[in-house]
Structure formats: C-alpha cells, structure tokens
C-alpha cells in the first residue's frame, strides 16, 4: 500500500506519537524518502509541537487548527 500526500498529512500525528504499525511506519518513511513536500510538512509539524512545548499552557484546539490550516495553505501555494 502506497501512501499519498493526503495520507501523510492525516497520519503525521500518529507517526510522531509512535502509534503507527510497523508496516505503516515503513510506508510512511518510504513516502518521505521520495516526497520533498511531505518532508517539509513533517519538519513544520515537529517545529509546531516544539513551539507549543515551550509555552506554559496547552494550545487551544482552534489555535492548532488555524496553524495547521496556514501550513497547508503555504504548502499548496508552493505546489502551484
């Protein structure tokens, strides 16, 4: 089973949390190997998590949703 870019964006949280099965992790990493945009997305996702880790309180769900939406818009505009 090959993962699409959409699959990668949907599975990134589970990947970072170590919740993907062994086979899914392999497919995830194989996709990253060939897809620069998804590698950038993963790096941005990890940076977002790191920045929230430095704050004293948990981010509001809306803040996370807004940030992810902005990241997706930036990615789409680069793809165009």
PDB file of N, CA and C in Angstrom:
ATOM      1  N   UNK A   1       0.845  -1.183   0.000  1.00  0.00           N
ATOM      2  CA  UNK A   1       0.000   0.000   0.000  1.00  0.00           C
ATOM      3  C   UNK A   1       0.886   1.240   0.000  1.00  0.00           C
ATOM      4  N   UNK A   2       0.709   2.095  -0.969  1.00  0.00           N
ATOM      5  CA  UNK A   2       1.454   3.343  -1.034  1.00  0.00           C
ATOM      6  C   UNK A   2       0.635   4.449  -0.375  1.00  0.00           C
ATOM      7  N   UNK A   3       1.303   5.321   0.349  1.00  0.00           N
ATOM      8  CA  UNK A   3       0.627   6.463   0.953  1.00  0.00           C
ATOM      9  C   UNK A   3       0.698   7.654   0.016  1.00  0.00           C
ATOM     10  N   UNK A   4      -0.404   8.384  -0.057  1.00  0.00           N
ATOM     11  CA  UNK A   4      -0.437   9.637  -0.806  1.00  0.00           C
ATOM     12  C   UNK A   4      -0.037  10.773   0.134  1.00  0.00           C
ATOM     13  N   UNK A   5       0.161  11.951  -0.416  1.00  0.00           N
ATOM     14  CA  UNK A   5       0.467  13.118   0.415  1.00  0.00           C
ATOM     15  C   UNK A   5      -0.665  13.379   1.417  1.00  0.00           C
ATOM     16  N   UNK A   6      -1.887  13.179   0.972  1.00  0.00           N
ATOM     17  CA  UNK A   6      -3.026  13.363   1.878  1.00  0.00           C
ATOM     18  C   UNK A   6      -2.954  12.372   3.036  1.00  0.00           C
ATOM     19  N   UNK A   7      -2.603  11.124   2.739  1.00  0.00           N
ATOM     20  CA  UNK A   7      -2.443  10.126   3.799  1.00  0.00           C
ATOM     21  C   UNK A   7      -1.384  10.572   4.801  1.00  0.00           C
ATOM     22  N   UNK A   8      -0.288  11.094   4.279  1.00  0.00           N
ATOM     23  CA  UNK A   8       0.809  11.528   5.151  1.00  0.00           C
ATOM     24  C   UNK A   8       0.331  12.617   6.107  1.00  0.00           C
ATOM     25  N   UNK A   9      -0.390  13.604   5.588  1.00  0.00           N
ATOM     26  CA  UNK A   9      -0.862  14.679   6.463  1.00  0.00           C
ATOM     27  C   UNK A   9      -1.824  14.153   7.522  1.00  0.00           C
ATOM     28  N   UNK A  10      -2.623  13.164   7.165  1.00  0.00           N
ATOM     29  CA  UNK A  10      -3.577  12.603   8.128  1.00  0.00           C
ATOM     30  C   UNK A  10      -2.896  11.710   9.165  1.00  0.00           C
ATOM     31  N   UNK A  11      -1.765  11.127   8.817  1.00  0.00           N
ATOM     32  CA  UNK A  11      -1.091  10.176   9.705  1.00  0.00           C
ATOM     33  C   UNK A  11       0.084  10.776  10.470  1.00  0.00           C
ATOM     34  N   UNK A  12       0.412  12.024  10.217  1.00  0.00           N
ATOM     35  CA  UNK A  12       1.609  12.616  10.812  1.00  0.00           C
ATOM     36  C   UNK A  12       1.571  12.616  12.331  1.00  0.00           C
ATOM     37  N   UNK A  13       0.460  12.956  12.914  1.00  0.00           N
ATOM     38  CA  UNK A  13       0.361  12.969  14.371  1.00  0.00           C
ATOM     39  C   UNK A  13       0.617  11.568  14.941  1.00  0.00           C
ATOM     40  N   UNK A  14      -0.005  10.562  14.348  1.00  0.00           N
ATOM     41  CA  UNK A  14       0.196   9.189  14.806  1.00  0.00           C
ATOM     42  C   UNK A  14       1.648   8.759  14.601  1.00  0.00           C
ATOM     43  N   UNK A  15       2.259   9.190  13.504  1.00  0.00           N
ATOM     44  CA  UNK A  15       3.658   8.857  13.235  1.00  0.00           C
ATOM     45  C   UNK A  15       4.558   9.458  14.313  1.00  0.00           C
ATOM     46  N   UNK A  16       4.375  10.733  14.593  1.00  0.00           N
ATOM     47  CA  UNK A  16       5.192  11.421  15.585  1.00  0.00           C
ATOM     48  C   UNK A  16       4.987  10.808  16.975  1.00  0.00           C
ATOM     49  N   UNK A  17       3.771  10.404  17.268  1.00  0.00           N
ATOM     50  CA  UNK A  17       3.459   9.802  18.570  1.00  0.00           C
ATOM     51  C   UNK A  17       3.869   8.335  18.661  1.00  0.00           C
ATOM     52  N   UNK A  18       4.355   7.769  17.553  1.00  0.00           N
ATOM     53  CA  UNK A  18       4.772   6.369  17.556  1.00  0.00           C
ATOM     54  C   UNK A  18       3.618   5.394  17.575  1.00  0.00           C
ATOM     55  N   UNK A  19       2.489   5.795  17.028  1.00  0.00           N
ATOM     56  CA  UNK A  19       1.288   4.957  17.079  1.00  0.00           C
ATOM     57  C   UNK A  19       0.995   4.212  15.779  1.00  0.00           C
ATOM     58  N   UNK A  20       1.848   4.355  14.768  1.00  0.00           N
ATOM     59  CA  UNK A  20       1.631   3.614  13.524  1.00  0.00           C
ATOM     60  C   UNK A  20       2.182   2.201  13.664  1.00  0.00           C
ATOM     61  N   UNK A  21       1.572   1.287  12.955  1.00  0.00           N
ATOM     62  CA  UNK A  21       2.087  -0.085  12.942  1.00  0.00           C
ATOM     63  C   UNK A  21       3.439  -0.096  12.235  1.00  0.00           C
ATOM     64  N   UNK A  22       4.162  -1.170  12.391  1.00  0.00           N
ATOM     65  CA  UNK A  22       5.470  -1.300  11.757  1.00  0.00           C
ATOM     66  C   UNK A  22       5.367  -1.107  10.246  1.00  0.00           C
ATOM     67  N   UNK A  23       4.414  -1.767   9.630  1.00  0.00           N
ATOM     68  CA  UNK A  23       4.241  -1.669   8.170  1.00  0.00           C
ATOM     69  C   UNK A  23       3.871  -0.249   7.759  1.00  0.00           C
ATOM     70  N   UNK A  24       2.963   0.385   8.500  1.00  0.00           N
ATOM     71  CA  UNK A  24       2.579   1.765   8.172  1.00  0.00           C
ATOM     72  C   UNK A  24       3.752   2.721   8.334  1.00  0.00           C
ATOM     73  N   UNK A  25       4.593   2.502   9.349  1.00  0.00           N
ATOM     74  CA  UNK A  25       5.790   3.347   9.509  1.00  0.00           C
ATOM     75  C   UNK A  25       6.712   3.198   8.307  1.00  0.00           C
ATOM     76  N   UNK A  26       6.866   1.980   7.810  1.00  0.00           N
ATOM     77  CA  UNK A  26       7.715   1.760   6.633  1.00  0.00           C
ATOM     78  C   UNK A  26       7.148   2.514   5.430  1.00  0.00           C
ATOM     79  N   UNK A  27       5.846   2.379   5.198  1.00  0.00           N
ATOM     80  CA  UNK A  27       5.222   3.075   4.064  1.00  0.00           C
ATOM     81  C   UNK A  27       5.316   4.592   4.229  1.00  0.00           C
ATOM     82  N   UNK A  28       5.121   5.060   5.455  1.00  0.00           N
ATOM     83  CA  UNK A  28       5.222   6.490   5.742  1.00  0.00           C
ATOM     84  C   UNK A  28       6.621   6.986   5.392  1.00  0.00           C
ATOM     85  N   UNK A  29       7.637   6.287   5.873  1.00  0.00           N
ATOM     86  CA  UNK A  29       9.024   6.704   5.644  1.00  0.00           C
ATOM     87  C   UNK A  29       9.424   6.579   4.174  1.00  0.00           C
ATOM     88  N   UNK A  30       8.914   5.563   3.496  1.00  0.00           N
ATOM     89  CA  UNK A  30       9.191   5.436   2.065  1.00  0.00           C
ATOM     90  C   UNK A  30       8.633   6.639   1.306  1.00  0.00           C
ATOM     91  N   UNK A  31       7.434   7.061   1.673  1.00  0.00           N
ATOM     92  CA  UNK A  31       6.854   8.230   1.020  1.00  0.00           C
ATOM     93  C   UNK A  31       7.720   9.465   1.293  1.00  0.00           C
ATOM     94  N   UNK A  32       8.160   9.626   2.536  1.00  0.00           N
ATOM     95  CA  UNK A  32       9.016  10.764   2.869  1.00  0.00           C
ATOM     96  C   UNK A  32      10.304  10.747   2.058  1.00  0.00           C
ATOM     97  N   UNK A  33      10.808   9.567   1.801  1.00  0.00           N
ATOM     98  CA  UNK A  33      12.048   9.435   1.037  1.00  0.00           C
ATOM     99  C   UNK A  33      11.921  10.047  -0.354  1.00  0.00           C
ATOM    100  N   UNK A  34      10.753   9.917  -0.958  1.00  0.00           N
ATOM    101  CA  UNK A  34      10.573  10.397  -2.327  1.00  0.00           C
ATOM    102  C   UNK A  34       9.828  11.723  -2.432  1.00  0.00           C
ATOM    103  N   UNK A  35       9.268  12.214  -1.342  1.00  0.00           N
ATOM    104  CA  UNK A  35       8.429  13.416  -1.412  1.00  0.00           C
ATOM    105  C   UNK A  35       8.993  14.546  -0.545  1.00  0.00           C
ATOM    106  N   UNK A  36       9.608  15.505  -1.208  1.00  0.00           N
ATOM    107  CA  UNK A  36      10.182  16.658  -0.506  1.00  0.00           C
ATOM    108  C   UNK A  36       9.118  17.441   0.265  1.00  0.00           C
ATOM    109  N   UNK A  37       7.965  17.666  -0.336  1.00  0.00           N
ATOM    110  CA  UNK A  37       6.912  18.458   0.305  1.00  0.00           C
ATOM    111  C   UNK A  37       6.449  17.827   1.614  1.00  0.00           C
ATOM    112  N   UNK A  38       6.339  16.521   1.650  1.00  0.00           N
ATOM    113  CA  UNK A  38       5.902  15.862   2.880  1.00  0.00           C
ATOM    114  C   UNK A  38       6.995  15.889   3.940  1.00  0.00           C
ATOM    115  N   UNK A  39       8.263  15.861   3.518  1.00  0.00           N
ATOM    116  CA  UNK A  39       9.356  16.012   4.488  1.00  0.00           C
ATOM    117  C   UNK A  39       9.293  17.402   5.118  1.00  0.00           C
ATOM    118  N   UNK A  40       9.029  18.407   4.298  1.00  0.00           N
ATOM    119  CA  UNK A  40       8.891  19.771   4.811  1.00  0.00           C
ATOM    120  C   UNK A  40       7.697  19.844   5.761  1.00  0.00           C
ATOM    121  N   UNK A  41       6.586  19.227   5.387  1.00  0.00           N
ATOM    122  CA  UNK A  41       5.393  19.223   6.235  1.00  0.00           C
ATOM    123  C   UNK A  41       5.711  18.599   7.592  1.00  0.00           C
ATOM    124  N   UNK A  42       6.408  17.461   7.588  1.00  0.00           N
ATOM    125  CA  UNK A  42       6.765  16.799   8.850  1.00  0.00           C
ATOM    126  C   UNK A  42       7.666  17.699   9.689  1.00  0.00           C
ATOM    127  N   UNK A  43       8.629  18.341   9.070  1.00  0.00           N
ATOM    128  CA  UNK A  43       9.501  19.261   9.802  1.00  0.00           C
ATOM    129  C   UNK A  43       8.711  20.407  10.418  1.00  0.00           C
ATOM    130  N   UNK A  44       7.765  20.959   9.667  1.00  0.00           N
ATOM    131  CA  UNK A  44       6.928  22.048  10.185  1.00  0.00           C
ATOM    132  C   UNK A  44       6.057  21.556  11.334  1.00  0.00           C
ATOM    133  N   UNK A  45       5.536  20.350  11.190  1.00  0.00           N
ATOM    134  CA  UNK A  45       4.689  19.778  12.240  1.00  0.00           C
ATOM    135  C   UNK A  45       5.490  19.610  13.524  1.00  0.00           C
ATOM    136  N   UNK A  46       6.710  19.088  13.406  1.00  0.00           N
ATOM    137  CA  UNK A  46       7.561  18.907  14.589  1.00  0.00           C
ATOM    138  C   UNK A  46       7.936  20.247  15.204  1.00  0.00           C
ATOM    139  N   UNK A  47       8.195  21.249  14.370  1.00  0.00           N
ATOM    140  CA  UNK A  47       8.512  22.585  14.877  1.00  0.00           C
ATOM    141  C   UNK A  47       7.321  23.175  15.626  1.00  0.00           C
ATOM    142  N   UNK A  48       6.127  22.944  15.099  1.00  0.00           N
ATOM    143  CA  UNK A  48       4.916  23.419  15.763  1.00  0.00           C
ATOM    144  C   UNK A  48       4.794  22.774  17.142  1.00  0.00           C
ATOM    145  N   UNK A  49       5.015  21.471  17.218  1.00  0.00           N
ATOM    146  CA  UNK A  49       4.928  20.775  18.501  1.00  0.00           C
ATOM    147  C   UNK A  49       5.978  21.301  19.480  1.00  0.00           C
ATOM    148  N   UNK A  50       7.169  21.551  18.977  1.00  0.00           N
ATOM    149  CA  UNK A  50       8.234  22.061  19.834  1.00  0.00           C
ATOM    150  C   UNK A  50       7.891  23.448  20.372  1.00  0.00           C
ATOM    151  N   UNK A  51       7.295  24.288  19.525  1.00  0.00           N
ATOM    152  CA  UNK A  51       6.954  25.635  19.983  1.00  0.00           C
ATOM    153  C   UNK A  51       5.836  25.587  21.017  1.00  0.00           C
ATOM    154  N   UNK A  52       4.914  24.675  20.871  1.00  0.00           N
ATOM    155  CA  UNK A  52       3.860  24.542  21.877  1.00  0.00           C
ATOM    156  C   UNK A  52       4.429  23.975  23.168  1.00  0.00           C
ATOM    157  N   UNK A  53       5.430  23.148  23.069  1.00  0.00           N
ATOM    158  CA  UNK A  53       6.055  22.577  24.261  1.00  0.00           C
ATOM    159  C   UNK A  53       6.742  23.623  25.116  1.00  0.00           C
ATOM    160  N   UNK A  54       7.156  24.737  24.492  1.00  0.00           N
ATOM    161  CA  UNK A  54       7.835  25.802  25.228  1.00  0.00           C
ATOM    162  C   UNK A  54       6.849  26.717  25.950  1.00  0.00           C
ATOM    163  N   UNK A  55       5.602  26.667  25.555  1.00  0.00           N
ATOM    164  CA  UNK A  55       4.620  27.528  26.209  1.00  0.00           C
ATOM    165  C   UNK A  55       4.177  26.885  27.523  1.00  0.00           C
ATOM    166  N   UNK A  56       3.619  27.680  28.388  1.00  0.00           N
ATOM    167  CA  UNK A  56       3.224  27.184  29.702  1.00  0.00           C
ATOM    168  C   UNK A  56       1.900  26.440  29.703  1.00  0.00           C
ATOM    169  N   UNK A  57       1.093  26.700  28.724  1.00  0.00           N
ATOM    170  CA  UNK A  57      -0.222  26.056  28.711  1.00  0.00           C
ATOM    171  C   UNK A  57      -0.454  25.370  27.376  1.00  0.00           C
ATOM    172  N   UNK A  58      -1.405  24.469  27.382  1.00  0.00           N
ATOM    173  CA  UNK A  58      -1.768  23.754  26.165  1.00  0.00           C
ATOM    174  C   UNK A  58      -2.433  24.717  25.188  1.00  0.00           C
ATOM    175  N   UNK A  59      -2.132  24.595  23.912  1.00  0.00           N
ATOM    176  CA  UNK A  59      -2.795  25.458  22.932  1.00  0.00           C
ATOM    177  C   UNK A  59      -4.273  25.086  22.810  1.00  0.00           C
ATOM    178  N   UNK A  60      -5.059  26.061  22.505  1.00  0.00           N
ATOM    179  CA  UNK A  60      -6.470  25.814  22.244  1.00  0.00           C
ATOM    180  C   UNK A  60      -6.597  25.025  20.941  1.00  0.00           C
ATOM    181  N   UNK A  61      -7.614  24.196  20.844  1.00  0.00           N
ATOM    182  CA  UNK A  61      -7.821  23.396  19.632  1.00  0.00           C
ATOM    183  C   UNK A  61      -7.926  24.294  18.403  1.00  0.00           C
ATOM    184  N   UNK A  62      -8.584  25.435  18.540  1.00  0.00           N
ATOM    185  CA  UNK A  62      -8.721  26.361  17.414  1.00  0.00           C
ATOM    186  C   UNK A  62      -7.366  26.889  16.973  1.00  0.00           C
ATOM    187  N   UNK A  63      -6.464  27.161  17.918  1.00  0.00           N
ATOM    188  CA  UNK A  63      -5.129  27.630  17.562  1.00  0.00           C
ATOM    189  C   UNK A  63      -4.399  26.582  16.728  1.00  0.00           C
ATOM    190  N   UNK A  64      -4.496  25.341  17.136  1.00  0.00           N
ATOM    191  CA  UNK A  64      -3.840  24.257  16.400  1.00  0.00           C
ATOM    192  C   UNK A  64      -4.453  24.131  15.010  1.00  0.00           C
ATOM    193  N   UNK A  65      -5.781  24.147  14.939  1.00  0.00           N
ATOM    194  CA  UNK A  65      -6.465  24.047  13.649  1.00  0.00           C
ATOM    195  C   UNK A  65      -6.059  25.194  12.723  1.00  0.00           C
ATOM    196  N   UNK A  66      -5.984  26.416  13.259  1.00  0.00           N
ATOM    197  CA  UNK A  66      -5.599  27.573  12.456  1.00  0.00           C
ATOM    198  C   UNK A  66      -4.169  27.443  11.946  1.00  0.00           C
ATOM    199  N   UNK A  67      -3.281  26.985  12.814  1.00  0.00           N
ATOM    200  CA  UNK A  67      -1.886  26.832  12.414  1.00  0.00           C
ATOM    201  C   UNK A  67      -1.727  25.759  11.339  1.00  0.00           C
ATOM    202  N   UNK A  68      -2.402  24.639  11.511  1.00  0.00           N
ATOM    203  CA  UNK A  68      -2.334  23.569  10.513  1.00  0.00           C
ATOM    204  C   UNK A  68      -2.925  24.046   9.187  1.00  0.00           C
ATOM    205  N   UNK A  69      -4.013  24.798   9.242  1.00  0.00           N
ATOM    206  CA  UNK A  69      -4.627  25.324   8.015  1.00  0.00           C
ATOM    207  C   UNK A  69      -3.664  26.260   7.290  1.00  0.00           C
ATOM    208  N   UNK A  70      -2.969  27.119   8.040  1.00  0.00           N
ATOM    209  CA  UNK A  70      -1.986  28.020   7.420  1.00  0.00           C
ATOM    210  C   UNK A  70      -0.843  27.230   6.788  1.00  0.00           C
ATOM    211  N   UNK A  71      -0.380  26.188   7.486  1.00  0.00           N
ATOM    212  CA  UNK A  71       0.692  25.360   6.941  1.00  0.00           C
ATOM    213  C   UNK A  71       0.252  24.687   5.645  1.00  0.00           C
ATOM    214  N   UNK A  72      -0.977  24.206   5.606  1.00  0.00           N
ATOM    215  CA  UNK A  72      -1.495  23.548   4.410  1.00  0.00           C
ATOM    216  C   UNK A  72      -1.623  24.552   3.264  1.00  0.00           C
ATOM    217  N   UNK A  73      -2.073  25.774   3.561  1.00  0.00           N
ATOM    218  CA  UNK A  73      -2.194  26.803   2.525  1.00  0.00           C
ATOM    219  C   UNK A  73      -0.824  27.147   1.949  1.00  0.00           C
ATOM    220  N   UNK A  74       0.182  27.269   2.818  1.00  0.00           N
ATOM    221  CA  UNK A  74       1.533  27.560   2.351  1.00  0.00           C
ATOM    222  C   UNK A  74       2.036  26.435   1.455  1.00  0.00           C
ATOM    223  N   UNK A  75       1.778  25.223   1.861  1.00  0.00           N
ATOM    224  CA  UNK A  75       2.233  24.070   1.079  1.00  0.00           C
ATOM    225  C   UNK A  75       1.554  24.035  -0.284  1.00  0.00           C
ATOM    226  N   UNK A  76       0.246  24.296  -0.306  1.00  0.00           N
ATOM    227  CA  UNK A  76      -0.490  24.295  -1.558  1.00  0.00           C
ATOM    228  C   UNK A  76      -0.027  25.427  -2.474  1.00  0.00           C
ATOM    229  N   UNK A  77       0.271  26.577  -1.906  1.00  0.00           N
ATOM    230  CA  UNK A  77       0.717  27.702  -2.740  1.00  0.00           C
ATOM    231  C   UNK A  77       2.106  27.422  -3.321  1.00  0.00           C
ATOM    232  N   UNK A  78       2.942  26.680  -2.614  1.00  0.00           N
ATOM    233  CA  UNK A  78       4.248  26.304  -3.141  1.00  0.00           C
ATOM    234  C   UNK A  78       4.118  25.270  -4.241  1.00  0.00           C
ATOM    235  N   UNK A  79       3.105  24.405  -4.137  1.00  0.00           N
ATOM    236  CA  UNK A  79       2.883  23.374  -5.142  1.00  0.00           C
ATOM    237  C   UNK A  79       2.327  23.947  -6.445  1.00  0.00           C
ATOM    238  N   UNK A  80       1.706  25.117  -6.361  1.00  0.00           N
ATOM    239  CA  UNK A  80       1.076  25.726  -7.557  1.00  0.00           C
ATOM    240  C   UNK A  80       2.071  26.387  -8.453  1.00  0.00           C
TER     241      UNK A  80
END
